[in-house]
Amino acid sequence: AQQGRVREKAYGKQKIYFTDQEQLPAASDAELRGLDGQIAARSAELQALQQSCRHMEQELKDLNSSMTTPEISREIEALRKDCASYTEKLERIKSATNHVTPEEKEKVCREQQLFRREWRRRKRMATELLDAILEGYPKSKKQFFEEVGIETDEDHGVALP
């Protein structure tokens, strides 16, 4: 600092030393434009490299999350076994001699509808009858059902189809 190569500034108890820029040669406008051009070129190159790096990191992430060759081999083998078992099951079903004819299926469906309709009708009649009894009954519906021994569909988790 005493020789003049370094300057000193005091900020309270602190002192800061820096080079004396007056001793440095002044850059011309052409040199400054050249340096600005280099900065712009390097910034563009940096952007391109960062983009390339992000792309490669994404590709690496995708590759790490995908299955390896041995895993794929095991998966293919498992799928082939499943396929073979399903094919065998299909062949057993096709070769079975006790197929249901469309007429039999239609008959069963009609009977189911008849029974379901009858079930609803009888349940409605029983509910109406019980509601009529409960109008004059002093206790709750649940207590009445327990005393009489009535079990409902809901008690057994059955719902009308």
C-alpha atoms as a PDB file:
ATOM      1  CA  ALA A   1       0.000   0.000   0.000  1.00  0.00           C
ATOM      2  CA  GLN A   2       2.899   2.364   0.727  1.00  0.00           C
ATOM      3  CA  GLN A   3       4.442   1.598  -2.676  1.00  0.00           C
ATOM      4  CA  GLY A   4       1.167   2.430  -4.417  1.00  0.00           C
ATOM      5  CA  ARG A   5       0.473  -0.981  -6.001  1.00  0.00           C
ATOM      6  CA  VAL A   6      -2.348  -1.771  -3.585  1.00  0.00           C
ATOM      7  CA  ARG A   7      -4.895   0.685  -2.268  1.00  0.00           C
ATOM      8  CA  GLU A   8      -6.345   0.661   1.203  1.00  0.00           C
ATOM      9  CA  LYS A   9      -9.759   1.753   2.447  1.00  0.00           C
ATOM     10  CA  ALA A  10     -10.706   1.868   6.089  1.00  0.00           C
ATOM     11  CA  TYR A  11     -14.286   1.167   7.205  1.00  0.00           C
ATOM     12  CA  GLY A  12     -14.319   1.721  10.933  1.00  0.00           C
ATOM     13  CA  LYS A  13     -11.964  -0.841  12.440  1.00  0.00           C
ATOM     14  CA  GLN A  14     -11.748  -2.817   9.185  1.00  0.00           C
ATOM     15  CA  LYS A  15      -9.383  -2.176   6.320  1.00  0.00           C
ATOM     16  CA  ILE A  16      -9.904  -3.393   2.760  1.00  0.00           C
ATOM     17  CA  TYR A  17      -7.031  -3.807   0.294  1.00  0.00           C
ATOM     18  CA  PHE A  18      -7.469  -3.925  -3.484  1.00  0.00           C
ATOM     19  CA  THR A  19      -5.300  -3.391  -6.535  1.00  0.00           C
ATOM     20  CA  ASP A  20      -4.954   0.108  -7.860  1.00  0.00           C
ATOM     21  CA  GLN A  21      -6.800   0.034 -11.177  1.00  0.00           C
ATOM     22  CA  GLU A  22      -5.263   3.283 -12.343  1.00  0.00           C
ATOM     23  CA  GLN A  23      -1.993   1.425 -12.891  1.00  0.00           C
ATOM     24  CA  LEU A  24      -3.678  -1.132 -15.190  1.00  0.00           C
ATOM     25  CA  PRO A  25      -3.790  -0.377 -18.889  1.00  0.00           C
ATOM     26  CA  ALA A  26      -7.160   0.923 -20.079  1.00  0.00           C
ATOM     27  CA  ALA A  27      -9.038  -1.362 -22.461  1.00  0.00           C
ATOM     28  CA  SER A  28     -10.250   0.061 -25.728  1.00  0.00           C
ATOM     29  CA  ASP A  29     -13.871  -0.116 -26.880  1.00  0.00           C
ATOM     30  CA  ALA A  30     -12.954  -2.809 -29.407  1.00  0.00           C
ATOM     31  CA  GLU A  31     -11.385  -4.951 -26.694  1.00  0.00           C
ATOM     32  CA  LEU A  32     -14.434  -4.461 -24.475  1.00  0.00           C
ATOM     33  CA  ARG A  33     -16.769  -5.452 -27.326  1.00  0.00           C
ATOM     34  CA  GLY A  34     -14.572  -8.492 -27.992  1.00  0.00           C
ATOM     35  CA  LEU A  35     -14.710  -9.462 -24.324  1.00  0.00           C
ATOM     36  CA  ASP A  36     -18.510  -8.932 -24.302  1.00  0.00           C
ATOM     37  CA  GLY A  37     -18.752 -11.194 -27.357  1.00  0.00           C
ATOM     38  CA  GLN A  38     -16.676 -13.850 -25.607  1.00  0.00           C
ATOM     39  CA  ILE A  39     -18.886 -13.580 -22.516  1.00  0.00           C
ATOM     40  CA  ALA A  40     -22.030 -13.989 -24.651  1.00  0.00           C
ATOM     41  CA  ALA A  41     -20.514 -16.971 -26.506  1.00  0.00           C
ATOM     42  CA  ARG A  42     -19.429 -18.625 -23.250  1.00  0.00           C
ATOM     43  CA  SER A  43     -22.873 -17.958 -21.706  1.00  0.00           C
ATOM     44  CA  ALA A  44     -24.562 -19.597 -24.698  1.00  0.00           C
ATOM     45  CA  GLU A  45     -22.138 -22.534 -24.468  1.00  0.00           C
ATOM     46  CA  LEU A  46     -22.859 -22.811 -20.724  1.00  0.00           C
ATOM     47  CA  GLN A  47     -26.622 -22.839 -21.390  1.00  0.00           C
ATOM     48  CA  ALA A  48     -26.209 -25.554 -24.031  1.00  0.00           C
ATOM     49  CA  LEU A  49     -24.064 -27.667 -21.688  1.00  0.00           C
ATOM     50  CA  GLN A  50     -26.518 -27.237 -18.814  1.00  0.00           C
ATOM     51  CA  GLN A  51     -29.401 -28.262 -21.081  1.00  0.00           C
ATOM     52  CA  SER A  52     -27.428 -31.284 -22.269  1.00  0.00           C
ATOM     53  CA  CYS A  53     -26.619 -32.158 -18.660  1.00  0.00           C
ATOM     54  CA  ARG A  54     -30.304 -31.960 -17.659  1.00  0.00           C
ATOM     55  CA  HIS A  55     -31.246 -34.120 -20.637  1.00  0.00           C
ATOM     56  CA  MET A  56     -28.630 -36.726 -19.723  1.00  0.00           C
ATOM     57  CA  GLU A  57     -29.703 -36.703 -16.059  1.00  0.00           C
ATOM     58  CA  GLN A  58     -33.305 -37.307 -17.123  1.00  0.00           C
ATOM     59  CA  GLU A  59     -32.199 -40.132 -19.399  1.00  0.00           C
ATOM     60  CA  LEU A  60     -30.165 -41.638 -16.547  1.00  0.00           C
ATOM     61  CA  LYS A  61     -33.178 -41.374 -14.229  1.00  0.00           C
ATOM     62  CA  ASP A  62     -35.369 -43.105 -16.835  1.00  0.00           C
ATOM     63  CA  LEU A  63     -32.822 -45.868 -17.314  1.00  0.00           C
ATOM     64  CA  ASN A  64     -32.411 -46.393 -13.574  1.00  0.00           C
ATOM     65  CA  SER A  65     -36.175 -46.665 -13.104  1.00  0.00           C
ATOM     66  CA  SER A  66     -36.613 -49.181 -15.937  1.00  0.00           C
ATOM     67  CA  MET A  67     -36.247 -52.917 -15.493  1.00  0.00           C
ATOM     68  CA  THR A  68     -32.928 -54.653 -15.986  1.00  0.00           C
ATOM     69  CA  THR A  69     -32.473 -57.558 -18.380  1.00  0.00           C
ATOM     70  CA  PRO A  70     -32.608 -60.257 -15.655  1.00  0.00           C
ATOM     71  CA  GLU A  71     -35.743 -58.672 -14.171  1.00  0.00           C
ATOM     72  CA  ILE A  72     -37.403 -58.590 -17.582  1.00  0.00           C
ATOM     73  CA  SER A  73     -36.409 -62.235 -18.149  1.00  0.00           C
ATOM     74  CA  ARG A  74     -38.049 -63.233 -14.862  1.00  0.00           C
ATOM     75  CA  GLU A  75     -41.133 -61.184 -15.693  1.00  0.00           C
ATOM     76  CA  ILE A  76     -41.426 -62.767 -19.144  1.00  0.00           C
ATOM     77  CA  GLU A  77     -41.057 -66.232 -17.638  1.00  0.00           C
ATOM     78  CA  ALA A  78     -43.766 -65.504 -15.057  1.00  0.00           C
ATOM     79  CA  LEU A  79     -46.086 -64.180 -17.769  1.00  0.00           C
ATOM     80  CA  ARG A  80     -45.468 -67.259 -19.916  1.00  0.00           C
ATOM     81  CA  LYS A  81     -46.372 -69.518 -16.979  1.00  0.00           C
ATOM     82  CA  ASP A  82     -49.553 -67.502 -16.392  1.00  0.00           C
ATOM     83  CA  CYS A  83     -50.395 -67.687 -20.081  1.00  0.00           C
ATOM     84  CA  ALA A  84     -49.841 -71.453 -20.122  1.00  0.00           C
ATOM     85  CA  SER A  85     -52.066 -71.969 -17.076  1.00  0.00           C
ATOM     86  CA  TYR A  86     -54.802 -69.789 -18.569  1.00  0.00           C
ATOM     87  CA  THR A  87     -54.555 -71.624 -21.882  1.00  0.00           C
ATOM     88  CA  GLU A  88     -54.844 -74.953 -20.074  1.00  0.00           C
ATOM     89  CA  LYS A  89     -57.849 -73.693 -18.111  1.00  0.00           C
ATOM     90  CA  LEU A  90     -59.481 -72.459 -21.323  1.00  0.00           C
ATOM     91  CA  GLU A  91     -58.933 -75.828 -22.990  1.00  0.00           C
ATOM     92  CA  ARG A  92     -60.516 -77.614 -20.009  1.00  0.00           C
ATOM     93  CA  ILE A  93     -63.521 -75.303 -20.214  1.00  0.00           C
ATOM     94  CA  LYS A  94     -63.862 -75.777 -23.968  1.00  0.00           C
ATOM     95  CA  SER A  95     -63.586 -79.569 -23.716  1.00  0.00           C
ATOM     96  CA  ALA A  96     -66.147 -79.828 -20.901  1.00  0.00           C
ATOM     97  CA  THR A  97     -69.260 -81.711 -21.929  1.00  0.00           C
ATOM     98  CA  ASN A  98     -71.621 -80.180 -19.401  1.00  0.00           C
ATOM     99  CA  HIS A  99     -72.218 -76.875 -21.136  1.00  0.00           C
ATOM    100  CA  VAL A 100     -75.332 -74.913 -20.286  1.00  0.00           C
ATOM    101  CA  THR A 101     -77.570 -74.337 -23.236  1.00  0.00           C
ATOM    102  CA  PRO A 102     -79.020 -70.885 -23.871  1.00  0.00           C
ATOM    103  CA  GLU A 103     -82.501 -72.253 -23.166  1.00  0.00           C
ATOM    104  CA  GLU A 104     -81.447 -73.573 -19.757  1.00  0.00           C
ATOM    105  CA  LYS A 105     -79.728 -70.278 -18.971  1.00  0.00           C
ATOM    106  CA  GLU A 106     -82.854 -68.333 -19.933  1.00  0.00           C
ATOM    107  CA  LYS A 107     -85.006 -70.626 -17.784  1.00  0.00           C
ATOM    108  CA  VAL A 108     -82.733 -70.094 -14.752  1.00  0.00           C
ATOM    109  CA  CYS A 109     -82.766 -66.314 -15.288  1.00  0.00           C
ATOM    110  CA  ARG A 110     -86.566 -66.270 -15.459  1.00  0.00           C
ATOM    111  CA  GLU A 111     -86.807 -68.342 -12.263  1.00  0.00           C
ATOM    112  CA  GLN A 112     -84.389 -65.995 -10.511  1.00  0.00           C
ATOM    113  CA  GLN A 113     -86.480 -62.982 -11.506  1.00  0.00           C
ATOM    114  CA  LEU A 114     -89.622 -64.740 -10.255  1.00  0.00           C
ATOM    115  CA  PHE A 115     -88.037 -65.606  -6.909  1.00  0.00           C
ATOM    116  CA  ARG A 116     -86.578 -62.103  -6.523  1.00  0.00           C
ATOM    117  CA  ARG A 117     -90.023 -60.554  -7.216  1.00  0.00           C
ATOM    118  CA  GLU A 118     -91.637 -62.924  -4.699  1.00  0.00           C
ATOM    119  CA  TRP A 119     -88.951 -62.103  -2.120  1.00  0.00           C
ATOM    120  CA  ARG A 120     -89.622 -58.368  -2.496  1.00  0.00           C
ATOM    121  CA  ARG A 121     -93.379 -58.867  -2.307  1.00  0.00           C
ATOM    122  CA  ARG A 122     -93.172 -60.965   0.859  1.00  0.00           C
ATOM    123  CA  LYS A 123     -90.675 -58.598   2.477  1.00  0.00           C
ATOM    124  CA  ARG A 124     -92.945 -55.627   1.740  1.00  0.00           C
ATOM    125  CA  MET A 125     -95.955 -57.479   3.228  1.00  0.00           C
ATOM    126  CA  ALA A 126     -94.001 -58.427   6.359  1.00  0.00           C
ATOM    127  CA  THR A 127     -92.695 -54.877   6.775  1.00  0.00           C
ATOM    128  CA  GLU A 128     -96.194 -53.422   6.466  1.00  0.00           C
ATOM    129  CA  LEU A 129     -97.553 -55.932   8.986  1.00  0.00           C
ATOM    130  CA  LEU A 130     -94.738 -55.241  11.465  1.00  0.00           C
ATOM    131  CA  ASP A 131     -95.145 -51.474  11.069  1.00  0.00           C
ATOM    132  CA  ALA A 132     -98.868 -51.836  11.856  1.00  0.00           C
ATOM    133  CA  ILE A 133     -98.045 -53.840  15.017  1.00  0.00           C
ATOM    134  CA  LEU A 134     -95.355 -51.347  16.052  1.00  0.00           C
ATOM    135  CA  GLU A 135     -97.817 -48.413  15.939  1.00  0.00           C
ATOM    136  CA  GLY A 136     -99.322 -49.513  19.243  1.00  0.00           C
ATOM    137  CA  TYR A 137     -96.200 -51.159  20.694  1.00  0.00           C
ATOM    138  CA  PRO A 138     -94.607 -49.172  23.560  1.00  0.00           C
ATOM    139  CA  LYS A 139     -91.008 -50.306  22.991  1.00  0.00           C
ATOM    140  CA  SER A 140     -88.608 -49.784  20.088  1.00  0.00           C
ATOM    141  CA  LYS A 141     -88.608 -51.731  16.847  1.00  0.00           C
ATOM    142  CA  LYS A 142     -85.314 -53.443  17.750  1.00  0.00           C
ATOM    143  CA  GLN A 143     -86.645 -54.594  21.120  1.00  0.00           C
ATOM    144  CA  PHE A 144     -89.810 -55.928  19.462  1.00  0.00           C
ATOM    145  CA  PHE A 145     -87.764 -57.920  16.945  1.00  0.00           C
ATOM    146  CA  GLU A 146     -85.663 -59.399  19.778  1.00  0.00           C
ATOM    147  CA  GLU A 147     -88.727 -60.388  21.849  1.00  0.00           C
ATOM    148  CA  VAL A 148     -90.525 -61.994  18.914  1.00  0.00           C
ATOM    149  CA  GLY A 149     -87.315 -63.501  17.433  1.00  0.00           C
ATOM    150  CA  ILE A 150     -87.445 -61.843  14.025  1.00  0.00           C
ATOM    151  CA  GLU A 151     -84.241 -61.837  11.990  1.00  0.00           C
ATOM    152  CA  THR A 152     -84.049 -59.361   9.114  1.00  0.00           C
ATOM    153  CA  ASP A 153     -82.033 -59.461   5.904  1.00  0.00           C
ATOM    154  CA  GLU A 154     -79.968 -56.558   7.202  1.00  0.00           C
ATOM    155  CA  ASP A 155     -79.004 -58.545  10.318  1.00  0.00           C
ATOM    156  CA  HIS A 156     -77.370 -61.130   8.065  1.00  0.00           C
ATOM    157  CA  GLY A 157     -75.889 -58.629   5.598  1.00  0.00           C
ATOM    158  CA  VAL A 158     -78.188 -59.678   2.763  1.00  0.00           C
ATOM    159  CA  ALA A 159     -79.370 -57.106   0.251  1.00  0.00           C
ATOM    160  CA  LEU A 160     -82.080 -57.508  -2.328  1.00  0.00           C
ATOM    161  CA  PRO A 161     -80.536 -57.968  -5.768  1.00  0.00           C
END
